[in-house]
mmCIF file of all heavy atoms, coordinates in Angstrom:
data_MODEL
# 
_entry.id   MODEL 
# 
loop_
_atom_site.group_PDB 
_atom_site.id 
_atom_site.type_symbol 
_atom_site.label_atom_id 
_atom_site.label_alt_id 
_atom_site.label_comp_id 
_atom_site.label_asym_id 
_atom_site.label_entity_id 
_atom_site.label_seq_id 
_atom_site.pdbx_PDB_ins_code 
_atom_site.Cartn_x 
_atom_site.Cartn_y 
_atom_site.Cartn_z 
_atom_site.occupancy 
_atom_site.B_iso_or_equiv 
_atom_site.pdbx_formal_charge 
_atom_site.auth_seq_id 
_atom_site.auth_comp_id 
_atom_site.auth_asym_id 
_atom_site.auth_atom_id 
_atom_site.pdbx_PDB_model_num 
ATOM 1   N N   . ARG A 1 1  ? 71.809 131.595 101.770 1.00 0.00 ? 1  ARG A N   1 
ATOM 2   C CA  . ARG A 1 1  ? 71.297 132.174 103.011 1.00 0.00 ? 1  ARG A CA  1 
ATOM 3   C C   . ARG A 1 1  ? 72.357 133.056 103.648 1.00 0.00 ? 1  ARG A C   1 
ATOM 4   O O   . ARG A 1 1  ? 73.541 132.988 103.313 1.00 0.00 ? 1  ARG A O   1 
ATOM 5   C CB  . ARG A 1 1  ? 70.918 131.073 103.989 1.00 0.00 ? 1  ARG A CB  1 
ATOM 6   C CG  . ARG A 1 1  ? 72.168 130.369 104.500 1.00 0.00 ? 1  ARG A CG  1 
ATOM 7   C CD  . ARG A 1 1  ? 71.975 129.598 105.757 1.00 0.00 ? 1  ARG A CD  1 
ATOM 8   N NE  . ARG A 1 1  ? 73.281 129.095 106.167 1.00 0.00 ? 1  ARG A NE  1 
ATOM 9   C CZ  . ARG A 1 1  ? 73.465 128.010 106.836 1.00 0.00 ? 1  ARG A CZ  1 
ATOM 10  N NH1 . ARG A 1 1  ? 72.458 127.268 107.188 1.00 0.00 ? 1  ARG A NH1 1 
ATOM 11  N NH2 . ARG A 1 1  ? 74.672 127.633 107.185 1.00 0.00 ? 1  ARG A NH2 1 
ATOM 12  N N   . ARG A 1 2  ? 71.890 133.850 104.565 1.00 0.00 ? 2  ARG A N   1 
ATOM 13  C CA  . ARG A 1 2  ? 72.779 134.574 105.460 1.00 0.00 ? 2  ARG A CA  1 
ATOM 14  C C   . ARG A 1 2  ? 72.032 134.716 106.776 1.00 0.00 ? 2  ARG A C   1 
ATOM 15  O O   . ARG A 1 2  ? 70.811 134.620 106.840 1.00 0.00 ? 2  ARG A O   1 
ATOM 16  C CB  . ARG A 1 2  ? 73.207 135.925 104.901 1.00 0.00 ? 2  ARG A CB  1 
ATOM 17  C CG  . ARG A 1 2  ? 72.135 136.966 104.913 1.00 0.00 ? 2  ARG A CG  1 
ATOM 18  C CD  . ARG A 1 2  ? 72.679 138.305 104.446 1.00 0.00 ? 2  ARG A CD  1 
ATOM 19  N NE  . ARG A 1 2  ? 71.619 139.303 104.555 1.00 0.00 ? 2  ARG A NE  1 
ATOM 20  C CZ  . ARG A 1 2  ? 71.753 140.564 104.283 1.00 0.00 ? 2  ARG A CZ  1 
ATOM 21  N NH1 . ARG A 1 2  ? 72.918 141.025 103.865 1.00 0.00 ? 2  ARG A NH1 1 
ATOM 22  N NH2 . ARG A 1 2  ? 70.750 141.401 104.410 1.00 0.00 ? 2  ARG A NH2 1 
ATOM 23  N N   . ARG A 1 3  ? 72.794 134.898 107.821 1.00 0.00 ? 3  ARG A N   1 
ATOM 24  C CA  . ARG A 1 3  ? 72.200 135.098 109.149 1.00 0.00 ? 3  ARG A CA  1 
ATOM 25  C C   . ARG A 1 3  ? 72.430 136.547 109.555 1.00 0.00 ? 3  ARG A C   1 
ATOM 26  O O   . ARG A 1 3  ? 73.506 137.091 109.354 1.00 0.00 ? 3  ARG A O   1 
ATOM 27  C CB  . ARG A 1 3  ? 72.844 134.161 110.163 1.00 0.00 ? 3  ARG A CB  1 
ATOM 28  C CG  . ARG A 1 3  ? 72.562 132.710 109.903 1.00 0.00 ? 3  ARG A CG  1 
ATOM 29  C CD  . ARG A 1 3  ? 73.239 131.847 110.973 1.00 0.00 ? 3  ARG A CD  1 
ATOM 30  N NE  . ARG A 1 3  ? 73.238 130.467 110.597 1.00 0.00 ? 3  ARG A NE  1 
ATOM 31  C CZ  . ARG A 1 3  ? 72.294 129.597 110.932 1.00 0.00 ? 3  ARG A CZ  1 
ATOM 32  N NH1 . ARG A 1 3  ? 71.275 129.988 111.640 1.00 0.00 ? 3  ARG A NH1 1 
ATOM 33  N NH2 . ARG A 1 3  ? 72.374 128.349 110.543 1.00 0.00 ? 3  ARG A NH2 1 
ATOM 34  N N   . THR A 1 4  ? 71.390 137.132 110.118 1.00 0.00 ? 4  THR A N   1 
ATOM 35  C CA  . THR A 1 4  ? 71.477 138.493 110.626 1.00 0.00 ? 4  THR A CA  1 
ATOM 36  C C   . THR A 1 4  ? 70.911 138.495 112.039 1.00 0.00 ? 4  THR A C   1 
ATOM 37  O O   . THR A 1 4  ? 70.419 137.469 112.516 1.00 0.00 ? 4  THR A O   1 
ATOM 38  C CB  . THR A 1 4  ? 70.665 139.474 109.751 1.00 0.00 ? 4  THR A CB  1 
ATOM 39  O OG1 . THR A 1 4  ? 69.280 139.147 109.875 1.00 0.00 ? 4  THR A OG1 1 
ATOM 40  C CG2 . THR A 1 4  ? 71.096 139.421 108.298 1.00 0.00 ? 4  THR A CG2 1 
ATOM 41  N N   . ASP A 1 5  ? 70.932 139.639 112.678 1.00 0.00 ? 5  ASP A N   1 
ATOM 42  C CA  . ASP A 1 5  ? 70.343 139.742 114.010 1.00 0.00 ? 5  ASP A CA  1 
ATOM 43  C C   . ASP A 1 5  ? 68.849 139.412 113.968 1.00 0.00 ? 5  ASP A C   1 
ATOM 44  O O   . ASP A 1 5  ? 68.280 138.962 114.948 1.00 0.00 ? 5  ASP A O   1 
ATOM 45  C CB  . ASP A 1 5  ? 70.550 141.140 114.590 1.00 0.00 ? 5  ASP A CB  1 
ATOM 46  C CG  . ASP A 1 5  ? 72.023 141.421 114.888 1.00 0.00 ? 5  ASP A CG  1 
ATOM 47  O OD1 . ASP A 1 5  ? 72.803 140.451 115.013 1.00 0.00 ? 5  ASP A OD1 1 
ATOM 48  O OD2 . ASP A 1 5  ? 72.384 142.601 114.977 1.00 0.00 ? 5  ASP A OD2 1 
ATOM 49  N N   . GLY A 1 6  ? 68.221 139.616 112.795 1.00 0.00 ? 6  GLY A N   1 
ATOM 50  C CA  . GLY A 1 6  ? 66.803 139.335 112.645 1.00 0.00 ? 6  GLY A CA  1 
ATOM 51  C C   . GLY A 1 6  ? 66.496 137.880 112.329 1.00 0.00 ? 6  GLY A C   1 
ATOM 52  O O   . GLY A 1 6  ? 65.337 137.498 112.243 1.00 0.00 ? 6  GLY A O   1 
ATOM 53  N N   . GLY A 1 7  ? 67.506 137.054 112.105 1.00 0.00 ? 7  GLY A N   1 
ATOM 54  C CA  . GLY A 1 7  ? 67.292 135.643 111.796 1.00 0.00 ? 7  GLY A CA  1 
ATOM 55  C C   . GLY A 1 7  ? 67.903 135.251 110.467 1.00 0.00 ? 7  GLY A C   1 
ATOM 56  O O   . GLY A 1 7  ? 68.797 135.912 109.954 1.00 0.00 ? 7  GLY A O   1 
ATOM 57  N N   . ARG A 1 8  ? 67.374 134.177 109.892 1.00 0.00 ? 8  ARG A N   1 
ATOM 58  C CA  . ARG A 1 8  ? 67.896 133.662 108.624 1.00 0.00 ? 8  ARG A CA  1 
ATOM 59  C C   . ARG A 1 8  ? 67.205 134.340 107.449 1.00 0.00 ? 8  ARG A C   1 
ATOM 60  O O   . ARG A 1 8  ? 66.014 134.614 107.496 1.00 0.00 ? 8  ARG A O   1 
ATOM 61  C CB  . ARG A 1 8  ? 67.700 132.156 108.531 1.00 0.00 ? 8  ARG A CB  1 
ATOM 62  C CG  . ARG A 1 8  ? 68.507 131.397 109.561 1.00 0.00 ? 8  ARG A CG  1 
ATOM 63  C CD  . ARG A 1 8  ? 68.298 129.911 109.451 1.00 0.00 ? 8  ARG A CD  1 
ATOM 64  N NE  . ARG A 1 8  ? 66.874 129.618 109.545 1.00 0.00 ? 8  ARG A NE  1 
ATOM 65  C CZ  . ARG A 1 8  ? 66.317 128.492 109.121 1.00 0.00 ? 8  ARG A CZ  1 
ATOM 66  N NH1 . ARG A 1 8  ? 67.043 127.548 108.594 1.00 0.00 ? 8  ARG A NH1 1 
ATOM 67  N NH2 . ARG A 1 8  ? 65.018 128.299 109.241 1.00 0.00 ? 8  ARG A NH2 1 
ATOM 68  N N   . GLU A 1 9  ? 67.975 134.573 106.386 1.00 0.00 ? 9  GLU A N   1 
ATOM 69  C CA  . GLU A 1 9  ? 67.458 135.210 105.185 1.00 0.00 ? 9  GLU A CA  1 
ATOM 70  C C   . GLU A 1 9  ? 67.884 134.415 103.957 1.00 0.00 ? 9  GLU A C   1 
ATOM 71  O O   . GLU A 1 9  ? 68.902 133.745 103.967 1.00 0.00 ? 9  GLU A O   1 
ATOM 72  C CB  . GLU A 1 9  ? 67.984 136.641 105.058 1.00 0.00 ? 9  GLU A CB  1 
ATOM 73  C CG  . GLU A 1 9  ? 67.559 137.545 106.192 1.00 0.00 ? 9  GLU A CG  1 
ATOM 74  C CD  . GLU A 1 9  ? 68.151 138.930 106.064 1.00 0.00 ? 9  GLU A CD  1 
ATOM 75  O OE1 . GLU A 1 9  ? 69.314 139.051 105.615 1.00 0.00 ? 9  GLU A OE1 1 
ATOM 76  O OE2 . GLU A 1 9  ? 67.456 139.884 106.419 1.00 0.00 ? 9  GLU A OE2 1 
ATOM 77  N N   . LEU A 1 10 ? 67.089 134.540 102.891 1.00 0.00 ? 10 LEU A N   1 
ATOM 78  C CA  . LEU A 1 10 ? 67.346 133.850 101.634 1.00 0.00 ? 10 LEU A CA  1 
ATOM 79  C C   . LEU A 1 10 ? 67.571 134.882 100.541 1.00 0.00 ? 10 LEU A C   1 
ATOM 80  O O   . LEU A 1 10 ? 66.838 135.875 100.456 1.00 0.00 ? 10 LEU A O   1 
ATOM 81  C CB  . LEU A 1 10 ? 66.143 132.975 101.268 1.00 0.00 ? 10 LEU A CB  1 
ATOM 82  C CG  . LEU A 1 10 ? 66.249 132.168 99.978  1.00 0.00 ? 10 LEU A CG  1 
ATOM 83  C CD1 . LEU A 1 10 ? 67.255 131.032 100.144 1.00 0.00 ? 10 LEU A CD1 1 
ATOM 84  C CD2 . LEU A 1 10 ? 64.881 131.630 99.582  1.00 0.00 ? 10 LEU A CD2 1 
ATOM 85  N N   . LEU A 1 11 ? 68.565 134.638 99.676  1.00 0.00 ? 11 LEU A N   1 
ATOM 86  C CA  . LEU A 1 11 ? 68.812 135.503 98.529  1.00 0.00 ? 11 LEU A CA  1 
ATOM 87  C C   . LEU A 1 11 ? 67.828 135.150 97.418  1.00 0.00 ? 11 LEU A C   1 
ATOM 88  O O   . LEU A 1 11 ? 67.741 133.993 97.011  1.00 0.00 ? 11 LEU A O   1 
ATOM 89  C CB  . LEU A 1 11 ? 70.240 135.332 98.015  1.00 0.00 ? 11 LEU A CB  1 
ATOM 90  C CG  . LEU A 1 11 ? 70.563 136.066 96.715  1.00 0.00 ? 11 LEU A CG  1 
ATOM 91  C CD1 . LEU A 1 11 ? 70.474 137.573 96.904  1.00 0.00 ? 11 LEU A CD1 1 
ATOM 92  C CD2 . LEU A 1 11 ? 71.930 135.668 96.208  1.00 0.00 ? 11 LEU A CD2 1 
ATOM 93  N N   . VAL A 1 12 ? 67.090 136.139 96.949  1.00 0.00 ? 12 VAL A N   1 
ATOM 94  C CA  . VAL A 1 12 ? 66.166 135.970 95.827  1.00 0.00 ? 12 VAL A CA  1 
ATOM 95  C C   . VAL A 1 12 ? 66.415 137.093 94.833  1.00 0.00 ? 12 VAL A C   1 
ATOM 96  O O   . VAL A 1 12 ? 67.085 138.080 95.139  1.00 0.00 ? 12 VAL A O   1 
ATOM 97  C CB  . VAL A 1 12 ? 64.684 135.974 96.272  1.00 0.00 ? 12 VAL A CB  1 
ATOM 98  C CG1 . VAL A 1 12 ? 64.403 134.827 97.233  1.00 0.00 ? 12 VAL A CG1 1 
ATOM 99  C CG2 . VAL A 1 12 ? 64.296 137.310 96.896  1.00 0.00 ? 12 VAL A CG2 1 
ATOM 100 N N   . PHE A 1 13 ? 65.863 136.938 93.619  1.00 0.00 ? 13 PHE A N   1 
ATOM 101 C CA  . PHE A 1 13 ? 65.935 138.026 92.656  1.00 0.00 ? 13 PHE A CA  1 
ATOM 102 C C   . PHE A 1 13 ? 64.712 138.013 91.764  1.00 0.00 ? 13 PHE A C   1 
ATOM 103 O O   . PHE A 1 13 ? 64.013 137.014 91.640  1.00 0.00 ? 13 PHE A O   1 
ATOM 104 C CB  . PHE A 1 13 ? 67.227 137.980 91.822  1.00 0.00 ? 13 PHE A CB  1 
ATOM 105 C CG  . PHE A 1 13 ? 67.320 136.827 90.861  1.00 0.00 ? 13 PHE A CG  1 
ATOM 106 C CD1 . PHE A 1 13 ? 66.704 136.875 89.622  1.00 0.00 ? 13 PHE A CD1 1 
ATOM 107 C CD2 . PHE A 1 13 ? 68.045 135.699 91.194  1.00 0.00 ? 13 PHE A CD2 1 
ATOM 108 C CE1 . PHE A 1 13 ? 66.799 135.816 88.734  1.00 0.00 ? 13 PHE A CE1 1 
ATOM 109 C CE2 . PHE A 1 13 ? 68.145 134.639 90.315  1.00 0.00 ? 13 PHE A CE2 1 
ATOM 110 C CZ  . PHE A 1 13 ? 67.519 134.703 89.079  1.00 0.00 ? 13 PHE A CZ  1 
ATOM 111 N N   . ASP A 1 14 ? 64.463 139.175 91.160  1.00 0.00 ? 14 ASP A N   1 
ATOM 112 C CA  . ASP A 1 14 ? 63.407 139.350 90.175  1.00 0.00 ? 14 ASP A CA  1 
ATOM 113 C C   . ASP A 1 14 ? 64.047 139.835 88.883  1.00 0.00 ? 14 ASP A C   1 
ATOM 114 O O   . ASP A 1 14 ? 65.006 140.620 88.918  1.00 0.00 ? 14 ASP A O   1 
ATOM 115 C CB  . ASP A 1 14 ? 62.378 140.387 90.647  1.00 0.00 ? 14 ASP A CB  1 
ATOM 116 C CG  . ASP A 1 14 ? 61.649 139.917 91.897  1.00 0.00 ? 14 ASP A CG  1 
ATOM 117 O OD1 . ASP A 1 14 ? 60.926 138.915 91.805  1.00 0.00 ? 14 ASP A OD1 1 
ATOM 118 O OD2 . ASP A 1 14 ? 61.814 140.546 92.961  1.00 0.00 ? 14 ASP A OD2 1 
ATOM 119 N N   . HIS A 1 15 ? 63.528 139.376 87.744  1.00 0.00 ? 15 HIS A N   1 
ATOM 120 C CA  . HIS A 1 15 ? 63.983 139.861 86.445  1.00 0.00 ? 15 HIS A CA  1 
ATOM 121 C C   . HIS A 1 15 ? 63.424 141.265 86.266  1.00 0.00 ? 15 HIS A C   1 
ATOM 122 O O   . HIS A 1 15 ? 62.208 141.443 86.219  1.00 0.00 ? 15 HIS A O   1 
ATOM 123 C CB  . HIS A 1 15 ? 63.457 138.973 85.308  1.00 0.00 ? 15 HIS A CB  1 
ATOM 124 C CG  . HIS A 1 15 ? 64.085 137.636 85.247  1.00 0.00 ? 15 HIS A CG  1 
ATOM 125 N ND1 . HIS A 1 15 ? 65.115 137.349 84.390  1.00 0.00 ? 15 HIS A ND1 1 
ATOM 126 C CD2 . HIS A 1 15 ? 63.829 136.499 85.919  1.00 0.00 ? 15 HIS A CD2 1 
ATOM 127 C CE1 . HIS A 1 15 ? 65.464 136.088 84.532  1.00 0.00 ? 15 HIS A CE1 1 
ATOM 128 N NE2 . HIS A 1 15 ? 64.699 135.544 85.463  1.00 0.00 ? 15 HIS A NE2 1 
ATOM 129 N N   . LEU A 1 16 ? 64.289 142.255 86.203  1.00 0.00 ? 16 LEU A N   1 
ATOM 130 C CA  . LEU A 1 16 ? 63.831 143.623 85.972  1.00 0.00 ? 16 LEU A CA  1 
ATOM 131 C C   . LEU A 1 16 ? 63.360 143.716 84.527  1.00 0.00 ? 16 LEU A C   1 
ATOM 132 O O   . LEU A 1 16 ? 64.054 143.299 83.617  1.00 0.00 ? 16 LEU A O   1 
ATOM 133 C CB  . LEU A 1 16 ? 64.949 144.619 86.261  1.00 0.00 ? 16 LEU A CB  1 
ATOM 134 C CG  . LEU A 1 16 ? 65.507 144.564 87.687  1.00 0.00 ? 16 LEU A CG  1 
ATOM 135 C CD1 . LEU A 1 16 ? 66.658 145.544 87.857  1.00 0.00 ? 16 LEU A CD1 1 
ATOM 136 C CD2 . LEU A 1 16 ? 64.412 144.836 88.708  1.00 0.00 ? 16 LEU A CD2 1 
ATOM 137 N N   . GLY A 1 17 ? 62.164 144.196 84.327  1.00 0.00 ? 17 GLY A N   1 
ATOM 138 C CA  . GLY A 1 17 ? 61.610 144.268 82.982  1.00 0.00 ? 17 GLY A CA  1 
ATOM 139 C C   . GLY A 1 17 ? 60.823 143.032 82.575  1.00 0.00 ? 17 GLY A C   1 
ATOM 140 O O   . GLY A 1 17 ? 60.263 142.982 81.489  1.00 0.00 ? 17 GLY A O   1 
ATOM 141 N N   . ALA A 1 18 ? 60.781 142.002 83.433  1.00 0.00 ? 18 ALA A N   1 
ATOM 142 C CA  . ALA A 1 18 ? 60.021 140.778 83.143  1.00 0.00 ? 18 ALA A CA  1 
ATOM 143 C C   . ALA A 1 18 ? 59.332 140.304 84.418  1.00 0.00 ? 18 ALA A C   1 
ATOM 144 O O   . ALA A 1 18 ? 59.660 139.247 84.957  1.00 0.00 ? 18 ALA A O   1 
ATOM 145 C CB  . ALA A 1 18 ? 60.936 139.702 82.577  1.00 0.00 ? 18 ALA A CB  1 
ATOM 146 N N   . PRO A 1 19 ? 58.367 141.071 84.932  1.00 0.00 ? 19 PRO A N   1 
ATOM 147 C CA  . PRO A 1 19 ? 57.742 140.722 86.213  1.00 0.00 ? 19 PRO A CA  1 
ATOM 148 C C   . PRO A 1 19 ? 57.029 139.380 86.194  1.00 0.00 ? 19 PRO A C   1 
ATOM 149 O O   . PRO A 1 19 ? 56.857 138.752 87.235  1.00 0.00 ? 19 PRO A O   1 
ATOM 150 C CB  . PRO A 1 19 ? 56.761 141.873 86.468  1.00 0.00 ? 19 PRO A CB  1 
ATOM 151 C CG  . PRO A 1 19 ? 56.549 142.530 85.147  1.00 0.00 ? 19 PRO A CG  1 
ATOM 152 C CD  . PRO A 1 19 ? 57.792 142.293 84.342  1.00 0.00 ? 19 PRO A CD  1 
ATOM 153 N N   . GLY A 1 20 ? 56.620 138.892 85.028  1.00 0.00 ? 20 GLY A N   1 
ATOM 154 C CA  . GLY A 1 20 ? 55.946 137.603 84.944  1.00 0.00 ? 20 GLY A CA  1 
ATOM 155 C C   . GLY A 1 20 ? 56.851 136.420 85.250  1.00 0.00 ? 20 GLY A C   1 
ATOM 156 O O   . GLY A 1 20 ? 56.366 135.306 85.458  1.00 0.00 ? 20 GLY A O   1 
ATOM 157 N N   . ALA A 1 21 ? 58.155 136.636 85.281  1.00 0.00 ? 21 ALA A N   1 
ATOM 158 C CA  . ALA A 1 21 ? 59.095 135.543 85.558  1.00 0.00 ? 21 ALA A CA  1 
ATOM 159 C C   . ALA A 1 21 ? 59.031 135.095 87.009  1.00 0.00 ? 21 ALA A C   1 
ATOM 160 O O   . ALA A 1 21 ? 59.459 133.989 87.334  1.00 0.00 ? 21 ALA A O   1 
ATOM 161 C CB  . ALA A 1 21 ? 60.522 135.962 85.197  1.00 0.00 ? 21 ALA A CB  1 
ATOM 162 N N   . GLY A 1 22 ? 58.529 135.942 87.890  1.00 0.00 ? 22 GLY A N   1 
ATOM 163 C CA  . GLY A 1 22 ? 58.416 135.592 89.296  1.00 0.00 ? 22 GLY A CA  1 
ATOM 164 C C   . GLY A 1 22 ? 59.724 135.716 90.046  1.00 0.00 ? 22 GLY A C   1 
ATOM 165 O O   . GLY A 1 22 ? 60.797 135.852 89.461  1.00 0.00 ? 22 GLY A O   1 
ATOM 166 N N   . THR A 1 23 ? 59.616 135.672 91.347  1.00 0.00 ? 23 THR A N   1 
ATOM 167 C CA  . THR A 1 23 ? 60.786 135.744 92.222  1.00 0.00 ? 23 THR A CA  1 
ATOM 168 C C   . THR A 1 23 ? 61.470 134.385 92.231  1.00 0.00 ? 23 THR A C   1 
ATOM 169 O O   . THR A 1 23 ? 60.822 133.349 92.343  1.00 0.00 ? 23 THR A O   1 
ATOM 170 C CB  . THR A 1 23 ? 60.356 136.154 93.636  1.00 0.00 ? 23 THR A CB  1 
ATOM 171 O OG1 . THR A 1 23 ? 59.729 137.443 93.569  1.00 0.00 ? 23 THR A OG1 1 
ATOM 172 C CG2 . THR A 1 23 ? 61.554 136.228 94.582  1.00 0.00 ? 23 THR A CG2 1 
ATOM 173 N N   . GLN A 1 24 ? 62.792 134.403 92.105  1.00 0.00 ? 24 GLN A N   1 
ATOM 174 C CA  . GLN A 1 24 ? 63.578 133.183 91.961  1.00 0.00 ? 24 GLN A CA  1 
ATOM 175 C C   . GLN A 1 24 ? 64.831 133.216 92.822  1.00 0.00 ? 24 GLN A C   1 
ATOM 176 O O   . GLN A 1 24 ? 65.192 134.250 93.365  1.00 0.00 ? 24 GLN A O   1 
ATOM 177 C CB  . GLN A 1 24 ? 64.019 133.016 90.497  1.00 0.00 ? 24 GLN A CB  1 
ATOM 178 C CG  . GLN A 1 24 ? 62.894 132.998 89.510  1.00 0.00 ? 24 GLN A CG  1 
ATOM 179 C CD  . GLN A 1 24 ? 63.402 132.950 88.088  1.00 0.00 ? 24 GLN A CD  1 
ATOM 180 O OE1 . GLN A 1 24 ? 64.361 132.246 87.786  1.00 0.00 ? 24 GLN A OE1 1 
ATOM 181 N NE2 . GLN A 1 24 ? 62.770 133.704 87.205  1.00 0.00 ? 24 GLN A NE2 1 
# 
């Protein structure tokens, strides 16, 4: 996580070239 002026955020990623893997 990180905190910004907009609130709390979570780090996620997507496999480029493998969209079926989903956001993780």
